[in-house]
Protein backbone atom coordinates (compact mmCIF):
# COMPACT_ATOMS: atom_id res chain seq x y z
CA MET A 1 4.64 21.13 7.17
CA LYS A 2 7.94 18.86 7.44
CA ARG A 3 10.69 19.00 4.90
CA LEU A 4 11.20 15.70 3.40
CA VAL A 5 14.56 14.35 2.87
CA ALA A 6 15.63 11.86 0.15
CA CYS A 7 15.51 8.21 1.14
CA GLY A 8 17.00 5.49 -0.95
CA LEU A 9 15.16 2.34 -1.13
CA ALA A 10 16.65 -0.95 -1.53
CA ILE A 11 14.50 -4.09 -0.78
CA VAL A 12 16.57 -7.03 0.80
CA SER A 13 15.43 -10.54 1.66
CA ALA A 14 16.15 -11.12 5.27
CA ASN A 15 14.11 -13.33 7.65
CA LEU A 16 12.34 -11.63 10.49
CA LEU A 17 13.66 -12.09 13.92
CA MET A 18 11.15 -14.08 15.94
CA VAL A 19 11.66 -13.08 19.65
CA SER A 20 8.83 -15.31 20.74
CA ALA A 21 6.05 -17.44 19.11
CA VAL A 22 2.29 -17.51 19.99
CA SER A 23 0.33 -20.37 18.98
CA ALA A 24 -2.65 -19.25 16.94
CA ASP A 25 -6.03 -21.09 16.98
CA THR A 26 -6.92 -22.63 13.62
CA LEU A 27 -8.40 -19.50 11.81
CA PHE A 28 -8.91 -20.79 8.36
CA SER A 29 -10.81 -24.06 7.63
CA PRO A 30 -9.79 -25.66 4.15
CA LEU A 31 -11.24 -24.19 1.06
CA THR A 32 -14.35 -25.40 -0.67
CA ASN A 33 -15.73 -24.49 -3.98
CA ILE A 34 -12.50 -23.52 -5.60
CA GLN A 35 -13.27 -21.68 -8.98
CA ASN A 36 -10.99 -21.04 -11.95
CA MET A 37 -12.27 -17.59 -13.25
CA ASN A 38 -10.07 -17.44 -16.17
CA ASN A 39 -12.84 -17.85 -18.62
CA ARG A 40 -14.82 -15.19 -17.10
CA ALA A 41 -14.66 -11.30 -17.08
CA ASP A 42 -13.79 -10.23 -13.62
CA ALA A 43 -13.28 -6.60 -12.97
CA SER A 44 -11.47 -7.24 -10.00
CA GLY A 45 -8.84 -9.17 -11.65
CA VAL A 46 -9.63 -12.36 -9.59
CA GLN A 47 -8.46 -15.46 -11.75
CA ARG A 48 -9.14 -18.13 -9.20
CA MET A 49 -10.84 -18.34 -5.88
CA GLY A 50 -12.07 -20.30 -3.03
CA ARG A 51 -14.19 -19.96 0.13
CA GLY A 52 -13.82 -21.38 3.49
CA ARG A 53 -14.93 -21.01 7.17
CA LEU A 54 -13.34 -18.17 9.48
CA ASN A 55 -13.05 -18.30 13.27
CA VAL A 56 -13.95 -14.86 13.77
CA GLU A 57 -13.64 -15.06 17.66
CA ALA A 58 -10.08 -16.51 17.50
CA MET A 59 -9.17 -13.95 14.75
CA GLN A 60 -10.25 -10.96 16.99
CA LYS A 61 -8.52 -12.40 19.97
CA MET A 62 -5.24 -12.83 18.00
CA PHE A 63 -5.63 -9.26 16.62
CA ASP A 64 -6.22 -7.82 20.23
CA GLN A 65 -3.37 -9.62 21.71
CA SER A 66 -0.90 -8.69 18.93
CA SER A 67 -1.72 -4.82 19.98
CA SER A 68 0.74 -5.49 23.06
CA ARG A 69 4.14 -4.48 22.55
CA LYS A 70 5.19 -7.61 24.16
CA SER A 71 3.31 -9.89 21.85
CA GLY A 72 5.15 -12.41 19.95
CA VAL A 73 4.80 -14.00 16.39
CA ASN A 74 1.47 -15.69 15.60
CA GLN A 75 2.01 -18.71 13.42
CA VAL A 76 -1.25 -18.93 11.32
CA PRO A 77 -1.77 -21.98 8.87
CA LEU A 78 -3.58 -21.14 5.68
CA HIS A 79 -4.77 -23.46 3.07
CA MET A 80 -3.71 -22.23 -0.63
CA LEU A 81 -5.63 -22.75 -3.85
CA ASP A 82 -3.51 -25.30 -5.20
CA GLY A 83 -4.17 -27.60 -2.22
CA SER A 84 -0.87 -26.70 -0.48
CA GLN A 85 -0.71 -25.12 3.02
CA SER A 86 1.42 -22.18 4.07
CA THR A 87 2.15 -20.65 7.29
CA LEU A 88 1.78 -16.84 8.02
CA HIS A 89 4.13 -15.68 10.65
CA LEU A 90 2.46 -12.53 11.77
CA ARG A 91 2.84 -9.92 14.44
CA GLY A 92 1.10 -6.87 15.31
CA GLN A 93 2.01 -3.63 13.49
CA ARG A 94 1.44 -0.04 15.08
CA LEU A 95 -0.47 1.95 12.49
CA GLU A 96 -1.11 5.56 13.81
CA GLY A 97 -4.10 7.23 12.14
CA SER A 98 -5.73 3.87 11.46
CA GLY A 99 -9.24 4.73 12.95
CA GLY A 100 -9.29 1.55 15.12
CA ILE A 101 -8.41 -0.63 12.18
CA GLN A 102 -6.01 -3.38 13.52
CA VAL A 103 -3.02 -4.54 11.60
CA MET A 104 -0.84 -7.62 11.46
CA SER A 105 2.15 -8.28 9.08
CA GLY A 106 4.77 -10.62 8.47
CA LEU A 107 6.32 -13.48 6.21
CA VAL A 108 4.93 -16.26 4.56
CA ASP A 109 6.60 -19.70 5.22
CA GLY A 110 9.36 -17.77 6.83
CA GLN A 111 10.70 -16.66 3.39
CA GLY A 112 11.82 -12.97 2.97
CA HIS A 113 10.40 -12.61 -0.32
CA ASN A 114 6.72 -13.88 0.74
CA LEU A 115 5.04 -11.06 2.67
CA ALA A 116 1.66 -11.15 4.28
CA THR A 117 -0.53 -8.02 5.57
CA LEU A 118 -3.96 -8.54 7.52
CA THR A 119 -6.25 -5.79 8.69
CA ASN A 120 -9.23 -6.22 11.02
CA ASN A 121 -12.08 -3.69 11.08
CA ASN A 122 -14.45 -4.75 14.04
CA GLY A 123 -14.42 -8.38 12.88
CA VAL A 124 -14.09 -7.93 9.13
CA LEU A 125 -10.90 -9.22 7.73
CA MET A 126 -9.02 -7.84 4.70
CA GLY A 127 -5.57 -8.64 3.63
CA ARG A 128 -2.93 -9.12 0.98
CA ILE A 129 -0.48 -12.17 0.53
CA TRP A 130 2.47 -12.34 -1.63
CA LYS A 131 3.68 -15.72 -2.24
CA ASP A 132 6.44 -16.49 -5.10
CA GLY A 133 5.57 -13.63 -7.16
CA LYS A 134 1.88 -14.03 -6.86
CA LEU A 135 -0.67 -11.82 -5.17
CA PHE A 136 -3.48 -13.34 -3.03
CA THR A 137 -6.23 -11.40 -1.40
CA ILE A 138 -8.30 -12.58 1.56
CA ASN A 139 -11.61 -11.28 2.65
CA GLY A 140 -13.51 -12.22 5.64
CA ASP A 141 -16.93 -11.43 7.19
CA THR A 142 -18.46 -11.17 10.60
CA GLY A 143 -20.67 -14.14 9.66
CA GLY A 144 -17.78 -16.63 9.81
CA GLY A 145 -16.78 -16.88 5.99
CA TYR A 146 -13.71 -15.87 4.08
CA GLN A 147 -12.58 -15.93 0.45
CA LEU A 148 -9.04 -16.28 -0.87
CA SER A 149 -8.42 -15.10 -4.23
CA GLU A 150 -5.54 -15.03 -6.84
CA VAL A 151 -5.36 -11.70 -8.48
CA LYS A 152 -4.02 -11.35 -11.94
CA ARG A 153 -1.92 -8.38 -12.33
CA SER A 154 -3.58 -5.46 -14.32
CA GLY A 155 -2.78 -5.32 -17.97
CA ILE A 156 -2.68 -1.37 -17.82
CA PRO A 157 0.83 -0.01 -18.94
CA ARG A 158 3.05 1.30 -16.34
CA SER A 159 4.56 4.83 -16.76
CA LYS A 160 8.26 4.94 -17.16
CA LYS A 161 8.54 8.65 -16.44
CA ALA A 162 8.54 10.42 -13.12
CA LEU A 163 7.24 13.84 -12.77
CA GLY A 164 9.67 16.69 -11.88
CA PRO A 165 9.26 20.40 -11.03
CA ASP A 166 8.86 21.30 -14.43
CA ASP A 167 5.81 19.31 -14.72
CA ALA A 168 4.13 21.02 -11.89
CA PRO A 169 1.62 23.68 -12.52
CA ARG A 170 2.94 26.99 -12.62
CA GLN A 171 0.95 28.61 -9.71
CA ASP A 172 2.47 25.90 -7.42
CA ASN A 173 6.03 26.74 -8.59
CA ALA A 174 5.23 30.43 -7.90
CA HIS A 175 4.67 30.30 -4.23
CA ARG A 176 7.56 28.06 -3.00
CA ALA A 177 9.45 31.14 -1.57
CA ASN A 178 6.40 32.13 0.64
CA ARG A 179 5.77 28.52 1.94
CA GLN A 180 5.54 27.69 5.52
CA GLU A 181 7.64 24.91 7.05
CA GLY A 182 7.52 23.22 10.34
CA GLU A 183 10.59 21.38 12.04
CA ALA A 184 12.46 18.89 10.14
CA PRO A 185 11.35 15.24 11.06
CA GLN A 186 13.53 13.28 13.70
CA PRO A 187 15.18 9.87 12.67
CA ASP A 188 12.52 7.35 12.51
CA GLU A 189 9.75 9.76 12.91
CA PRO A 190 6.87 8.57 10.52
CA ILE A 191 6.08 10.62 7.38
CA ASP A 192 2.63 12.03 7.43
CA LEU A 193 0.59 10.80 4.63
CA LEU A 194 -2.83 11.96 3.35
CA VAL A 195 -4.75 9.45 0.84
CA PHE A 196 -7.70 10.30 -1.40
CA ILE A 197 -9.41 7.27 -2.81
CA SER A 198 -11.89 8.03 -5.64
CA GLU A 199 -15.73 7.64 -4.97
CA ARG A 200 -16.05 4.98 -7.80
CA ALA A 201 -13.17 2.95 -6.27
CA ALA A 202 -15.03 3.12 -2.58
CA GLU A 203 -18.06 1.97 -4.52
CA GLU A 204 -16.39 -0.87 -6.11
CA LEU A 205 -14.83 -1.90 -2.76
CA GLY A 206 -18.47 -1.92 -0.97
CA GLY A 207 -18.54 1.55 0.59
CA ARG A 208 -16.95 3.90 2.77
CA ASP A 209 -15.73 1.65 5.53
CA GLU A 210 -14.41 -0.99 3.16
CA ALA A 211 -12.47 1.82 1.16
CA MET A 212 -10.93 3.08 4.50
CA GLN A 213 -9.90 -0.28 5.39
CA HIS A 214 -8.33 -0.71 1.93
CA VAL A 215 -6.36 2.35 2.43
CA ASN A 216 -4.99 1.26 5.65
CA LEU A 217 -3.99 -2.14 4.26
CA LEU A 218 -2.05 -0.61 1.48
CA VAL A 219 -0.32 1.87 3.88
CA ALA A 220 0.40 -1.12 6.34
CA GLU A 221 1.86 -3.07 3.46
CA ALA A 222 3.95 -0.13 2.38
CA ASN A 223 5.50 0.12 5.93
CA MET A 224 6.36 -3.49 5.86
CA ILE A 225 8.12 -3.16 2.68
CA PHE A 226 10.02 -0.04 3.77
CA ARG A 227 10.99 -1.41 7.11
CA ARG A 228 12.27 -4.78 5.52
CA SER A 229 14.26 -2.54 3.21
CA GLY A 230 16.19 -1.26 6.12
CA ALA A 231 15.12 2.27 5.18
CA VAL A 232 13.73 2.81 8.63
CA ASP A 233 13.40 0.64 11.77
CA GLY A 234 9.96 1.62 12.70
CA GLN A 235 6.85 2.99 10.90
CA MET A 236 7.80 4.84 7.71
CA PHE A 237 4.25 6.17 7.03
CA ARG A 238 1.48 7.66 9.32
CA LEU A 239 -1.95 7.86 7.86
CA VAL A 240 -3.03 11.20 9.10
CA LYS A 241 -6.29 11.31 7.29
CA ALA A 242 -7.98 9.28 4.31
CA ARG A 243 -10.70 10.59 2.28
CA ILE A 244 -13.23 9.83 -0.51
CA ASN A 245 -12.43 11.78 -3.47
CA PRO A 246 -15.72 12.93 -5.40
CA LEU A 247 -14.17 14.66 -8.46
CA ASP A 248 -14.38 13.54 -11.95
CA GLU A 249 -11.49 11.50 -13.25
CA ASP A 250 -9.50 11.78 -16.37
CA ASN A 251 -7.97 8.57 -17.90
CA ASP A 252 -4.65 10.24 -17.88
CA PRO A 253 -3.12 10.22 -14.26
CA VAL A 254 -0.90 13.16 -15.04
CA VAL A 255 -4.00 15.33 -15.82
CA ASN A 256 -5.48 14.13 -12.56
CA ILE A 257 -2.40 14.92 -10.46
CA LYS A 258 -1.92 18.39 -11.94
CA ASP A 259 -5.41 19.42 -11.25
CA TRP A 260 -6.03 17.90 -7.89
CA MET A 261 -2.63 19.02 -6.33
CA THR A 262 -3.97 22.72 -6.67
CA PHE A 263 -7.49 21.97 -5.95
CA LYS A 264 -8.14 24.36 -3.17
CA PRO A 265 -10.13 21.96 -0.66
CA PHE A 266 -7.56 19.20 -1.05
CA VAL A 267 -4.80 21.79 -0.39
CA ALA A 268 -6.72 22.78 2.67
CA ASP A 269 -7.06 19.27 3.82
CA ARG A 270 -3.32 18.77 3.43
CA ASN A 271 -2.41 22.01 5.31
CA GLU A 272 -4.99 20.97 7.99
CA VAL A 273 -3.28 17.77 8.92
CA GLY A 274 0.32 18.77 8.01
CA ALA A 275 0.71 15.81 5.54
CA ASP A 276 4.28 15.40 4.13
CA LEU A 277 3.00 13.17 1.08
CA VAL A 278 -0.34 13.09 -0.72
CA ALA A 279 -1.53 9.88 -2.42
CA PHE A 280 -4.38 9.69 -4.71
CA ILE A 281 -6.03 6.14 -5.80
CA SER A 282 -8.02 6.84 -9.00
CA TYR A 283 -10.64 4.67 -10.89
CA PRO A 284 -11.30 6.19 -14.29
CA GLU A 285 -13.16 4.16 -17.04
CA ASP A 286 -10.30 3.57 -19.46
CA PRO A 287 -6.94 4.56 -17.52
CA LYS A 288 -4.13 5.31 -19.75
CA TYR A 289 -1.38 3.93 -17.43
CA CYS A 290 -0.98 2.60 -13.89
CA GLY A 291 -0.14 5.99 -12.21
CA THR A 292 2.55 8.77 -11.79
CA ALA A 293 4.41 10.53 -9.08
CA PHE A 294 6.81 13.35 -8.65
CA ARG A 295 10.35 12.07 -8.15
CA GLY A 296 12.04 13.03 -4.89
CA PRO A 297 14.36 15.96 -4.09
CA GLU A 298 17.49 14.03 -4.30
CA ASP A 299 17.13 13.71 -8.22
CA TYR A 300 15.49 17.13 -8.81
CA ASP A 301 15.26 20.43 -7.12
CA PRO A 302 15.05 20.25 -3.33
CA ASP A 303 13.34 23.33 -2.97
CA GLY A 304 10.39 21.67 -4.79
CA TYR A 305 9.31 19.93 -1.54
CA PRO A 306 7.06 19.60 0.11
CA GLU A 307 4.58 21.09 -2.63
CA LEU A 308 5.60 18.16 -4.84
CA GLY A 309 5.27 15.31 -2.67
CA TYR A 310 2.22 13.89 -4.77
CA SER A 311 1.62 10.52 -6.14
CA LEU A 312 -1.34 8.95 -8.00
CA ALA A 313 -1.91 5.09 -8.61
CA MET A 314 -4.88 3.67 -10.34
CA PHE A 315 -7.29 1.45 -8.18
CA ASN A 316 -6.86 -1.54 -10.51
CA CYS A 317 -3.12 -1.42 -10.50
CA SER A 318 -2.73 -0.79 -6.76
CA ARG A 319 -5.17 -3.50 -5.86
CA SER A 320 -3.41 -5.97 -8.21
CA GLY A 321 0.08 -4.92 -7.70
CA LEU A 322 2.57 -2.51 -5.94
CA ASP A 323 1.74 0.64 -7.42
CA PHE A 324 0.71 2.44 -4.42
CA VAL A 325 3.96 1.90 -2.75
CA ARG A 326 5.89 2.46 -5.99
CA GLY A 327 4.44 6.15 -5.97
CA LEU A 328 5.64 6.82 -2.37
CA GLY A 329 8.96 5.49 -3.27
CA LYS A 330 9.34 7.67 -6.31
CA ASN A 331 8.36 10.56 -3.93
CA LEU A 332 11.22 9.65 -1.70
CA GLY A 333 13.76 9.67 -4.47
CA ALA A 334 13.80 6.13 -5.44
CA GLY A 335 13.65 4.97 -9.11
CA TYR A 336 12.89 1.71 -10.79
CA GLU A 337 15.17 -1.24 -10.33
CA ARG A 338 18.16 -1.22 -12.34
CA ILE A 339 16.68 -3.77 -14.81
CA ILE A 340 14.67 -0.95 -16.11
CA GLU A 341 16.72 2.15 -15.78
CA GLY A 342 20.12 0.71 -16.12
CA GLU A 343 22.94 2.67 -14.47
CA ARG A 344 21.07 6.15 -14.37
CA GLY A 345 20.21 7.77 -11.32
CA HIS A 346 19.12 6.18 -8.02
CA ALA A 347 17.46 3.10 -9.16
CA TYR A 348 16.32 0.85 -6.34
CA ALA A 349 13.82 -1.64 -5.22
CA LEU A 350 13.05 -5.12 -6.26
CA VAL A 351 10.19 -6.94 -4.32
CA ASN A 352 9.66 -10.51 -5.16
CA CYS A 353 11.72 -11.87 -8.06
CA SER A 354 9.38 -10.51 -10.97
CA ASN A 355 9.71 -7.44 -13.03
CA SER A 356 5.97 -6.84 -12.46
CA ASP A 357 6.83 -6.21 -8.89
CA LEU A 358 9.43 -3.58 -9.26
CA ILE A 359 9.13 -0.39 -7.34
């Protein structure tokens, strides 16, 4: 298992370099039947939505062509819920361990603080679009329909404390001296990531295939954020495995992460794939707060890694915000942005200009 090194994270707003441009066929028809969901209880956080027609054949062609290393930027018009039109500037993203799921990512309207990530799984589209501090999800089906939704941020409180070696189970600290380590990663070599998503979250998403696509989408978005931060030039995270977590879930993420990081089948999975980091996506009935993670070795004991490379994000929070990538950032030594932590420690990362977007 590779030893992790601390990685500072400083998000910047710089435009993508467009080497070439590829005209995309019209993928998305104008939205119809736009509904305001504010007066209804919606467990997914959707507060406004609209539906339209999706050109599945053109979409598949675009994703297939983007797989080439020489592919350019696809400029894809998208009708928004307020009647305006945006342009997604997308290019293929190589995502190792994706299980055949194709990924494209880039800017919205050419603006560095507006980001889009789309995935395609055999003609089924799933994406996340950040525009002016708002999150939109897009979901398409093989029948030629798609839904664009504005997602309200989860009201679950966020934890203001990262975990350290003293928070780890004693048995985990006890065997540090006997751990086996592999070679240190080379510069720009991806960090191997293992993700467990809860059984209940998978059911909420529609099943195992949808859950695996959702995990790939979150990892692809994390790669784009880290790449644009300047922390890495290529792929930051390599998804080596994603699994459904069938275990019971506590409302307190600290209880879960301490139990699961020593659960022998999960430890065996990590050892099998050699994962540097392990991320859990949990979905209990009444979550206490949005997640937790062990702070990286720069702030704490460097000998605590790789055993302490764990993070946990609540499903509602990761679906409606950036809590998944926030946990990965903590694992690498990054803290909250200075508006929260002041001048203490390594506090980095502002994505979009909103306090709720802080990593």
